């Protein structure tokens, strides 16, 4: 196993555990009615019960992590001629390059799951603060949304840019 793979895999597991721990903790700390939508004055105008929020967040996280894991296995097993990647001919030219492509895709997907798990944990924290702190306003946490979008966009752009490069992964083959 390569160190980069282990790093991304550990990040995925740690952020998953962070989300689950935070979700379980907040289940007992949140009020029975949780504001999930706010009007122009920052007042909640749409609510979920604590149980609805807990199960929805948990199911989303499970679904997303399982779906991305299945996608990773599907891409690794896909014939080289059908791979939806830039420079497909280069990456499918030899078994060594295909192995390196699978390594890149696996690392990217593990990093993506870690990023989404972290964004979801931050979202839980924001929901907690807004619903329990009388001085908190939804406007105070706009940076979370902007930062999450920027991080996800940067991560999404990285993979195609990296696959357009025709250099092999260091330490592979």
N, C-alpha and C. Protein backbone atom coordinates (compact mmCIF):
# COMPACT_ATOMS: atom_id res chain seq x y z
N UNK A 1 0.84 -1.18 0.00
CA UNK A 1 0.00 0.00 0.00
C UNK A 1 0.88 1.24 0.00
N UNK A 2 0.49 2.18 -0.77
CA UNK A 2 1.24 3.43 -0.89
C UNK A 2 0.82 4.40 0.21
N UNK A 3 1.74 5.26 0.64
CA UNK A 3 1.43 6.22 1.72
C UNK A 3 0.28 7.17 1.37
N UNK A 4 0.20 7.60 0.11
CA UNK A 4 -0.88 8.54 -0.27
C UNK A 4 -2.23 7.85 -0.16
N UNK A 5 -2.30 6.60 -0.59
CA UNK A 5 -3.55 5.85 -0.47
C UNK A 5 -3.95 5.73 0.99
N UNK A 6 -3.00 5.38 1.84
CA UNK A 6 -3.29 5.24 3.27
C UNK A 6 -3.73 6.56 3.88
N UNK A 7 -3.13 7.66 3.44
CA UNK A 7 -3.50 8.98 3.94
C UNK A 7 -4.95 9.31 3.57
N UNK A 8 -5.32 9.11 2.30
CA UNK A 8 -6.69 9.42 1.89
C UNK A 8 -7.70 8.47 2.53
N UNK A 9 -7.32 7.23 2.65
CA UNK A 9 -8.20 6.25 3.29
C UNK A 9 -8.42 6.61 4.76
N UNK A 10 -7.34 6.98 5.45
CA UNK A 10 -7.46 7.38 6.86
C UNK A 10 -8.30 8.64 7.00
N UNK A 11 -8.11 9.60 6.09
CA UNK A 11 -8.91 10.84 6.13
C UNK A 11 -10.38 10.52 5.96
N UNK A 12 -10.69 9.59 5.06
CA UNK A 12 -12.09 9.21 4.84
C UNK A 12 -12.68 8.59 6.11
N UNK A 13 -11.96 7.69 6.72
CA UNK A 13 -12.46 7.02 7.93
C UNK A 13 -12.58 8.01 9.09
N UNK A 14 -11.59 8.85 9.27
CA UNK A 14 -11.61 9.82 10.38
C UNK A 14 -12.77 10.80 10.22
N UNK A 15 -12.98 11.32 9.02
CA UNK A 15 -14.09 12.27 8.82
C UNK A 15 -15.43 11.58 8.94
N UNK A 16 -15.50 10.32 8.54
CA UNK A 16 -16.74 9.56 8.71
C UNK A 16 -17.05 9.37 10.19
N UNK A 17 -16.04 9.00 10.96
CA UNK A 17 -16.23 8.84 12.40
C UNK A 17 -16.56 10.18 13.08
N UNK A 18 -15.93 11.25 12.61
CA UNK A 18 -16.24 12.59 13.13
C UNK A 18 -17.71 12.93 12.90
N UNK A 19 -18.19 12.69 11.70
CA UNK A 19 -19.60 12.97 11.38
C UNK A 19 -20.53 12.13 12.25
N UNK A 20 -20.26 10.84 12.34
CA UNK A 20 -21.14 9.96 13.12
C UNK A 20 -21.13 10.36 14.60
N UNK A 21 -19.95 10.62 15.13
CA UNK A 21 -19.87 11.05 16.54
C UNK A 21 -20.61 12.36 16.78
N UNK A 22 -20.42 13.31 15.89
CA UNK A 22 -21.10 14.60 16.02
C UNK A 22 -22.61 14.43 15.89
N UNK A 23 -23.05 13.60 14.96
CA UNK A 23 -24.48 13.37 14.77
C UNK A 23 -25.10 12.74 16.02
N UNK A 24 -24.43 11.76 16.60
CA UNK A 24 -24.95 11.13 17.81
C UNK A 24 -24.97 12.10 18.98
N UNK A 25 -23.94 12.89 19.13
CA UNK A 25 -23.88 13.88 20.20
C UNK A 25 -24.99 14.93 20.04
N UNK A 26 -25.12 15.42 18.82
CA UNK A 26 -26.11 16.48 18.59
C UNK A 26 -27.54 15.99 18.68
N UNK A 27 -27.76 14.72 18.50
CA UNK A 27 -29.11 14.19 18.64
C UNK A 27 -29.67 14.53 20.02
N UNK A 28 -28.82 14.47 21.01
CA UNK A 28 -29.28 14.75 22.37
C UNK A 28 -29.19 16.23 22.73
N UNK A 29 -28.42 16.99 21.97
CA UNK A 29 -28.22 18.40 22.29
C UNK A 29 -29.17 19.34 21.53
N UNK A 30 -29.70 18.89 20.40
CA UNK A 30 -30.57 19.75 19.60
C UNK A 30 -31.98 19.79 20.19
N UNK A 31 -32.70 20.88 19.95
CA UNK A 31 -34.10 20.93 20.40
C UNK A 31 -34.95 19.97 19.59
N UNK A 32 -36.16 19.72 20.05
CA UNK A 32 -37.05 18.78 19.36
C UNK A 32 -37.39 19.26 17.95
N UNK A 33 -37.56 20.56 17.75
CA UNK A 33 -37.83 21.12 16.42
C UNK A 33 -36.57 21.84 15.94
N UNK A 34 -36.09 21.47 14.76
CA UNK A 34 -34.86 22.03 14.22
C UNK A 34 -35.19 22.86 12.99
N UNK A 35 -34.81 24.14 13.03
CA UNK A 35 -35.01 25.01 11.88
C UNK A 35 -34.06 24.62 10.75
N UNK A 36 -34.63 24.39 9.56
CA UNK A 36 -33.80 24.00 8.42
C UNK A 36 -33.88 25.00 7.26
N UNK A 37 -34.81 25.93 7.35
CA UNK A 37 -34.91 26.98 6.32
C UNK A 37 -35.22 28.29 7.05
N UNK A 38 -34.63 29.36 6.54
CA UNK A 38 -34.75 30.64 7.24
C UNK A 38 -35.20 31.71 6.27
N UNK A 39 -36.04 32.66 6.76
CA UNK A 39 -36.52 33.75 5.91
C UNK A 39 -35.47 34.86 5.83
N UNK A 40 -35.83 35.95 5.17
CA UNK A 40 -34.87 37.05 4.97
C UNK A 40 -34.48 37.74 6.27
N UNK A 41 -35.21 37.51 7.33
CA UNK A 41 -34.90 38.11 8.62
C UNK A 41 -34.07 37.17 9.51
N UNK A 42 -33.72 35.99 8.97
CA UNK A 42 -32.93 35.03 9.72
C UNK A 42 -33.75 34.19 10.67
N UNK A 43 -35.08 34.20 10.53
CA UNK A 43 -35.94 33.41 11.41
C UNK A 43 -36.32 32.11 10.72
N UNK A 44 -36.31 31.04 11.47
CA UNK A 44 -36.66 29.73 10.91
C UNK A 44 -38.12 29.74 10.47
N UNK A 45 -38.37 29.24 9.25
CA UNK A 45 -39.74 29.16 8.77
C UNK A 45 -40.08 27.75 8.26
N UNK A 46 -39.15 26.82 8.41
CA UNK A 46 -39.42 25.43 8.06
C UNK A 46 -38.63 24.56 9.04
N UNK A 47 -39.27 23.53 9.55
CA UNK A 47 -38.67 22.73 10.62
C UNK A 47 -38.70 21.24 10.29
N UNK A 48 -37.78 20.52 10.92
CA UNK A 48 -37.80 19.06 10.97
C UNK A 48 -37.75 18.68 12.44
N UNK A 49 -38.30 17.52 12.74
CA UNK A 49 -38.13 17.03 14.10
C UNK A 49 -36.68 16.54 14.24
N UNK A 50 -36.25 16.44 15.45
CA UNK A 50 -34.88 15.97 15.71
C UNK A 50 -34.66 14.59 15.09
N UNK A 51 -35.63 13.70 15.22
CA UNK A 51 -35.51 12.35 14.66
C UNK A 51 -35.43 12.38 13.13
N UNK A 52 -36.28 13.20 12.50
CA UNK A 52 -36.23 13.32 11.04
C UNK A 52 -34.87 13.82 10.58
N UNK A 53 -34.36 14.81 11.26
CA UNK A 53 -33.05 15.37 10.92
C UNK A 53 -31.96 14.32 11.09
N UNK A 54 -31.98 13.61 12.21
CA UNK A 54 -30.99 12.59 12.52
C UNK A 54 -30.97 11.50 11.44
N UNK A 55 -32.12 10.96 11.11
CA UNK A 55 -32.18 9.86 10.15
C UNK A 55 -31.88 10.34 8.73
N UNK A 56 -32.33 11.53 8.38
CA UNK A 56 -32.03 12.05 7.04
C UNK A 56 -30.54 12.27 6.86
N UNK A 57 -29.91 12.89 7.83
CA UNK A 57 -28.46 13.13 7.73
C UNK A 57 -27.69 11.82 7.71
N UNK A 58 -28.06 10.89 8.57
CA UNK A 58 -27.38 9.60 8.62
C UNK A 58 -27.54 8.80 7.35
N UNK A 59 -28.76 8.76 6.83
CA UNK A 59 -29.01 8.01 5.59
C UNK A 59 -28.29 8.65 4.40
N UNK A 60 -28.26 9.98 4.35
CA UNK A 60 -27.53 10.65 3.26
C UNK A 60 -26.07 10.26 3.31
N UNK A 61 -25.48 10.30 4.48
CA UNK A 61 -24.06 9.98 4.60
C UNK A 61 -23.79 8.53 4.21
N UNK A 62 -24.61 7.60 4.68
CA UNK A 62 -24.43 6.19 4.33
C UNK A 62 -24.59 6.00 2.82
N UNK A 63 -25.65 6.56 2.25
CA UNK A 63 -25.90 6.43 0.81
C UNK A 63 -24.72 6.98 0.02
N UNK A 64 -24.25 8.16 0.36
CA UNK A 64 -23.19 8.80 -0.39
C UNK A 64 -21.90 7.98 -0.31
N UNK A 65 -21.52 7.54 0.87
CA UNK A 65 -20.28 6.78 1.02
C UNK A 65 -20.35 5.43 0.30
N UNK A 66 -21.48 4.75 0.39
CA UNK A 66 -21.64 3.48 -0.31
C UNK A 66 -21.64 3.69 -1.82
N UNK A 67 -22.34 4.71 -2.30
CA UNK A 67 -22.40 4.97 -3.74
C UNK A 67 -21.02 5.28 -4.32
N UNK A 68 -20.23 6.07 -3.62
CA UNK A 68 -18.89 6.40 -4.10
C UNK A 68 -17.99 5.17 -4.06
N UNK A 69 -18.13 4.33 -3.06
CA UNK A 69 -17.34 3.10 -2.99
C UNK A 69 -17.69 2.17 -4.15
N UNK A 70 -18.97 2.04 -4.45
CA UNK A 70 -19.40 1.21 -5.58
C UNK A 70 -18.88 1.79 -6.89
N UNK A 71 -18.94 3.11 -7.04
CA UNK A 71 -18.41 3.75 -8.24
C UNK A 71 -16.93 3.44 -8.41
N UNK A 72 -16.16 3.50 -7.34
CA UNK A 72 -14.73 3.19 -7.41
C UNK A 72 -14.47 1.77 -7.89
N UNK A 73 -15.23 0.82 -7.37
CA UNK A 73 -15.07 -0.57 -7.80
C UNK A 73 -15.50 -0.75 -9.26
N UNK A 74 -16.56 -0.06 -9.63
CA UNK A 74 -17.06 -0.13 -11.01
C UNK A 74 -16.02 0.41 -11.98
N UNK A 75 -15.42 1.56 -11.67
CA UNK A 75 -14.42 2.14 -12.55
C UNK A 75 -13.18 1.26 -12.67
N UNK A 76 -12.78 0.63 -11.57
CA UNK A 76 -11.61 -0.24 -11.59
C UNK A 76 -11.84 -1.47 -12.46
N UNK A 77 -13.08 -1.93 -12.53
CA UNK A 77 -13.39 -3.13 -13.31
C UNK A 77 -13.80 -2.82 -14.75
N UNK A 78 -14.01 -1.56 -15.06
CA UNK A 78 -14.48 -1.17 -16.39
C UNK A 78 -13.40 -1.43 -17.45
N UNK A 79 -13.78 -1.95 -18.61
CA UNK A 79 -12.80 -2.14 -19.68
C UNK A 79 -12.14 -0.81 -20.07
N UNK A 80 -10.88 -0.89 -20.41
CA UNK A 80 -10.10 0.31 -20.72
C UNK A 80 -10.72 1.12 -21.85
N UNK A 81 -11.33 0.45 -22.81
CA UNK A 81 -11.91 1.16 -23.96
C UNK A 81 -13.14 1.99 -23.59
N UNK A 82 -13.72 1.74 -22.43
CA UNK A 82 -14.94 2.47 -22.02
C UNK A 82 -14.69 3.50 -20.92
N UNK A 83 -13.45 3.63 -20.49
CA UNK A 83 -13.16 4.56 -19.40
C UNK A 83 -13.49 6.00 -19.78
N UNK A 84 -14.26 6.69 -18.95
CA UNK A 84 -14.62 8.09 -19.24
C UNK A 84 -13.59 9.06 -18.66
N UNK A 85 -12.35 8.99 -19.14
CA UNK A 85 -11.30 9.85 -18.60
C UNK A 85 -10.55 10.53 -19.72
N UNK A 86 -9.97 11.70 -19.45
CA UNK A 86 -9.10 12.35 -20.44
C UNK A 86 -7.88 11.46 -20.71
N UNK A 87 -7.37 11.50 -21.95
CA UNK A 87 -6.21 10.69 -22.35
C UNK A 87 -6.44 9.21 -22.12
N UNK A 88 -7.63 8.75 -22.44
CA UNK A 88 -7.99 7.35 -22.23
C UNK A 88 -7.00 6.41 -22.90
N UNK A 89 -6.59 6.75 -24.13
CA UNK A 89 -5.66 5.87 -24.85
C UNK A 89 -4.33 5.75 -24.12
N UNK A 90 -3.85 6.85 -23.57
CA UNK A 90 -2.59 6.81 -22.82
C UNK A 90 -2.73 5.94 -21.58
N UNK A 91 -3.77 6.18 -20.77
CA UNK A 91 -3.93 5.48 -19.50
C UNK A 91 -4.27 4.00 -19.68
N UNK A 92 -4.80 3.64 -20.84
CA UNK A 92 -5.15 2.24 -21.09
C UNK A 92 -4.10 1.53 -21.95
N UNK A 93 -3.01 2.19 -22.27
CA UNK A 93 -2.01 1.64 -23.20
C UNK A 93 -1.32 0.39 -22.64
N UNK A 94 -1.01 0.38 -21.37
CA UNK A 94 -0.33 -0.77 -20.77
C UNK A 94 -1.01 -1.13 -19.45
N UNK A 95 -0.82 -2.35 -19.01
CA UNK A 95 -1.40 -2.73 -17.71
C UNK A 95 -0.84 -1.89 -16.55
N UNK A 96 0.41 -1.47 -16.65
CA UNK A 96 1.00 -0.65 -15.60
C UNK A 96 0.33 0.72 -15.52
N UNK A 97 0.08 1.32 -16.69
CA UNK A 97 -0.59 2.62 -16.70
C UNK A 97 -2.04 2.49 -16.22
N UNK A 98 -2.69 1.41 -16.57
CA UNK A 98 -4.07 1.19 -16.10
C UNK A 98 -4.07 1.03 -14.58
N UNK A 99 -3.08 0.34 -14.03
CA UNK A 99 -2.96 0.20 -12.58
C UNK A 99 -2.76 1.57 -11.93
N UNK A 100 -1.94 2.40 -12.56
CA UNK A 100 -1.71 3.75 -12.03
C UNK A 100 -2.98 4.59 -12.11
N UNK A 101 -3.74 4.43 -13.19
CA UNK A 101 -5.01 5.15 -13.31
C UNK A 101 -5.96 4.71 -12.20
N UNK A 102 -6.05 3.42 -11.95
CA UNK A 102 -6.91 2.92 -10.88
C UNK A 102 -6.48 3.50 -9.53
N UNK A 103 -5.17 3.61 -9.33
CA UNK A 103 -4.61 4.19 -8.10
C UNK A 103 -5.04 5.66 -7.97
N UNK A 104 -4.91 6.41 -9.05
CA UNK A 104 -5.32 7.83 -9.03
C UNK A 104 -6.81 7.97 -8.75
N UNK A 105 -7.62 7.17 -9.42
CA UNK A 105 -9.07 7.24 -9.22
C UNK A 105 -9.46 6.86 -7.80
N UNK A 106 -8.85 5.81 -7.27
CA UNK A 106 -9.16 5.38 -5.91
C UNK A 106 -8.79 6.46 -4.90
N UNK A 107 -7.62 7.07 -5.08
CA UNK A 107 -7.21 8.14 -4.16
C UNK A 107 -8.14 9.34 -4.28
N UNK A 108 -8.50 9.71 -5.50
CA UNK A 108 -9.36 10.86 -5.70
C UNK A 108 -10.73 10.61 -5.06
N UNK A 109 -11.28 9.43 -5.24
CA UNK A 109 -12.59 9.12 -4.67
C UNK A 109 -12.54 9.08 -3.14
N UNK A 110 -11.46 8.52 -2.57
CA UNK A 110 -11.32 8.52 -1.10
C UNK A 110 -11.21 9.95 -0.57
N UNK A 111 -10.45 10.79 -1.26
CA UNK A 111 -10.34 12.19 -0.87
C UNK A 111 -11.66 12.92 -0.99
N UNK A 112 -12.40 12.61 -2.05
CA UNK A 112 -13.71 13.24 -2.25
C UNK A 112 -14.68 12.85 -1.14
N UNK A 113 -14.68 11.58 -0.76
CA UNK A 113 -15.54 11.15 0.35
C UNK A 113 -15.14 11.83 1.65
N UNK A 114 -13.83 11.95 1.88
CA UNK A 114 -13.37 12.63 3.10
C UNK A 114 -13.84 14.08 3.11
N UNK A 115 -13.74 14.74 1.96
CA UNK A 115 -14.17 16.13 1.85
C UNK A 115 -15.67 16.27 2.10
N UNK A 116 -16.47 15.42 1.50
CA UNK A 116 -17.92 15.48 1.69
C UNK A 116 -18.28 15.17 3.14
N UNK A 117 -17.62 14.18 3.75
CA UNK A 117 -17.88 13.87 5.15
C UNK A 117 -17.56 15.06 6.04
N UNK A 118 -16.47 15.75 5.74
CA UNK A 118 -16.08 16.93 6.52
C UNK A 118 -17.09 18.06 6.33
N UNK A 119 -17.53 18.29 5.11
CA UNK A 119 -18.53 19.33 4.84
C UNK A 119 -19.83 19.01 5.59
N UNK A 120 -20.20 17.75 5.58
CA UNK A 120 -21.42 17.36 6.30
C UNK A 120 -21.26 17.57 7.81
N UNK A 121 -20.09 17.28 8.36
CA UNK A 121 -19.85 17.51 9.79
C UNK A 121 -19.92 19.00 10.11
N UNK A 122 -19.33 19.83 9.25
CA UNK A 122 -19.42 21.28 9.44
C UNK A 122 -20.87 21.75 9.36
N UNK A 123 -21.63 21.17 8.46
CA UNK A 123 -23.05 21.52 8.33
C UNK A 123 -23.81 21.17 9.60
N UNK A 124 -23.51 20.01 10.17
CA UNK A 124 -24.14 19.64 11.46
C UNK A 124 -23.82 20.66 12.54
N UNK A 125 -22.56 21.07 12.58
CA UNK A 125 -22.15 22.05 13.59
C UNK A 125 -22.91 23.37 13.40
N UNK A 126 -23.04 23.82 12.15
CA UNK A 126 -23.76 25.07 11.86
C UNK A 126 -25.23 24.93 12.27
N UNK A 127 -25.85 23.81 11.92
CA UNK A 127 -27.26 23.59 12.31
C UNK A 127 -27.39 23.63 13.83
N UNK A 128 -26.45 23.02 14.52
CA UNK A 128 -26.46 23.05 15.99
C UNK A 128 -26.36 24.47 16.51
N UNK A 129 -25.38 25.23 16.01
CA UNK A 129 -25.18 26.61 16.49
C UNK A 129 -26.41 27.48 16.22
N UNK A 130 -26.97 27.37 15.06
CA UNK A 130 -28.11 28.21 14.69
C UNK A 130 -29.35 27.86 15.51
N UNK A 131 -29.50 26.60 15.86
CA UNK A 131 -30.69 26.17 16.58
C UNK A 131 -30.55 26.21 18.10
N UNK A 132 -29.36 26.46 18.61
CA UNK A 132 -29.20 26.49 20.07
C UNK A 132 -28.67 27.81 20.60
N UNK A 133 -27.98 28.58 19.79
CA UNK A 133 -27.37 29.83 20.23
C UNK A 133 -28.28 30.99 19.84
N UNK A 134 -28.78 31.71 20.83
CA UNK A 134 -29.71 32.81 20.56
C UNK A 134 -29.04 33.94 19.77
N UNK A 135 -27.74 34.10 19.90
CA UNK A 135 -27.03 35.16 19.19
C UNK A 135 -26.58 34.75 17.79
N UNK A 136 -26.71 33.46 17.46
CA UNK A 136 -26.25 32.97 16.15
C UNK A 136 -27.25 33.35 15.07
N UNK A 137 -26.72 33.68 13.92
CA UNK A 137 -27.54 34.01 12.76
C UNK A 137 -27.04 33.19 11.58
N UNK A 138 -27.95 32.84 10.72
CA UNK A 138 -27.57 32.06 9.54
C UNK A 138 -26.54 32.82 8.71
N UNK A 139 -26.60 34.14 8.72
CA UNK A 139 -25.66 34.95 7.96
C UNK A 139 -24.22 34.85 8.47
N UNK A 140 -24.06 34.49 9.74
CA UNK A 140 -22.72 34.35 10.30
C UNK A 140 -21.97 33.14 9.76
N UNK A 141 -22.69 32.24 9.11
CA UNK A 141 -22.08 30.99 8.66
C UNK A 141 -22.07 30.84 7.14
N UNK A 142 -22.20 31.93 6.43
CA UNK A 142 -22.15 31.89 4.98
C UNK A 142 -20.81 31.40 4.47
N UNK A 143 -19.75 31.64 5.24
CA UNK A 143 -18.42 31.20 4.84
C UNK A 143 -18.33 29.68 4.72
N UNK A 144 -19.14 28.95 5.50
CA UNK A 144 -19.11 27.48 5.43
C UNK A 144 -19.58 27.03 4.06
N UNK A 145 -20.67 27.62 3.58
CA UNK A 145 -21.22 27.26 2.28
C UNK A 145 -20.24 27.62 1.16
N UNK A 146 -19.71 28.82 1.21
CA UNK A 146 -18.77 29.27 0.17
C UNK A 146 -17.48 28.44 0.21
N UNK A 147 -16.96 28.20 1.39
CA UNK A 147 -15.75 27.39 1.52
C UNK A 147 -15.96 25.96 1.05
N UNK A 148 -17.12 25.38 1.38
CA UNK A 148 -17.42 24.02 0.94
C UNK A 148 -17.52 23.94 -0.58
N UNK A 149 -18.21 24.91 -1.17
CA UNK A 149 -18.32 24.92 -2.64
C UNK A 149 -16.96 25.08 -3.30
N UNK A 150 -16.13 25.95 -2.76
CA UNK A 150 -14.80 26.17 -3.33
C UNK A 150 -13.94 24.90 -3.21
N UNK A 151 -13.98 24.26 -2.07
CA UNK A 151 -13.18 23.04 -1.87
C UNK A 151 -13.66 21.92 -2.79
N UNK A 152 -14.97 21.73 -2.91
CA UNK A 152 -15.51 20.68 -3.77
C UNK A 152 -15.18 20.98 -5.23
N UNK A 153 -15.31 22.25 -5.64
CA UNK A 153 -14.98 22.62 -7.02
C UNK A 153 -13.50 22.38 -7.31
N UNK A 154 -12.63 22.75 -6.39
CA UNK A 154 -11.19 22.54 -6.59
C UNK A 154 -10.88 21.04 -6.69
N UNK A 155 -11.50 20.24 -5.84
CA UNK A 155 -11.26 18.80 -5.87
C UNK A 155 -11.80 18.20 -7.17
N UNK A 156 -12.94 18.68 -7.64
CA UNK A 156 -13.53 18.16 -8.88
C UNK A 156 -12.67 18.50 -10.09
N UNK A 157 -12.05 19.67 -10.09
CA UNK A 157 -11.22 20.10 -11.22
C UNK A 157 -9.88 19.39 -11.22
N UNK A 158 -9.38 19.03 -10.06
CA UNK A 158 -8.07 18.40 -9.97
C UNK A 158 -7.96 17.12 -10.80
N UNK A 159 -8.96 16.25 -10.72
CA UNK A 159 -8.84 14.95 -11.39
C UNK A 159 -8.72 15.06 -12.90
N UNK A 160 -9.59 15.77 -13.59
CA UNK A 160 -9.42 15.86 -15.04
C UNK A 160 -8.10 16.52 -15.44
N UNK A 161 -7.69 17.53 -14.68
CA UNK A 161 -6.41 18.19 -14.99
C UNK A 161 -5.27 17.19 -14.82
N UNK A 162 -5.31 16.43 -13.74
CA UNK A 162 -4.25 15.45 -13.50
C UNK A 162 -4.24 14.36 -14.58
N UNK A 163 -5.42 13.93 -15.03
CA UNK A 163 -5.48 12.87 -16.04
C UNK A 163 -5.09 13.37 -17.43
N UNK A 164 -5.14 14.67 -17.65
CA UNK A 164 -4.68 15.20 -18.93
C UNK A 164 -3.16 15.17 -19.04
N UNK A 165 -2.50 15.12 -17.88
CA UNK A 165 -1.04 15.02 -17.88
C UNK A 165 -0.65 13.60 -18.25
N UNK A 166 0.41 13.47 -19.01
CA UNK A 166 0.81 12.14 -19.45
C UNK A 166 1.99 11.60 -18.65
N UNK A 167 2.12 12.04 -17.43
CA UNK A 167 3.21 11.51 -16.63
C UNK A 167 2.68 10.41 -15.72
N UNK A 168 3.52 9.45 -15.47
CA UNK A 168 3.12 8.35 -14.60
C UNK A 168 3.21 8.80 -13.14
N UNK A 169 2.48 8.10 -12.29
CA UNK A 169 2.47 8.42 -10.87
C UNK A 169 3.82 8.00 -10.29
N UNK A 170 4.41 8.89 -9.51
CA UNK A 170 5.72 8.59 -8.91
C UNK A 170 5.62 7.37 -8.00
N UNK A 171 6.59 6.49 -8.13
CA UNK A 171 6.62 5.31 -7.29
C UNK A 171 5.76 4.18 -7.79
N UNK A 172 5.09 4.34 -8.90
CA UNK A 172 4.27 3.29 -9.47
C UNK A 172 5.02 2.64 -10.62
N UNK A 173 5.03 1.33 -10.66
CA UNK A 173 5.62 0.59 -11.79
C UNK A 173 7.03 0.94 -11.98
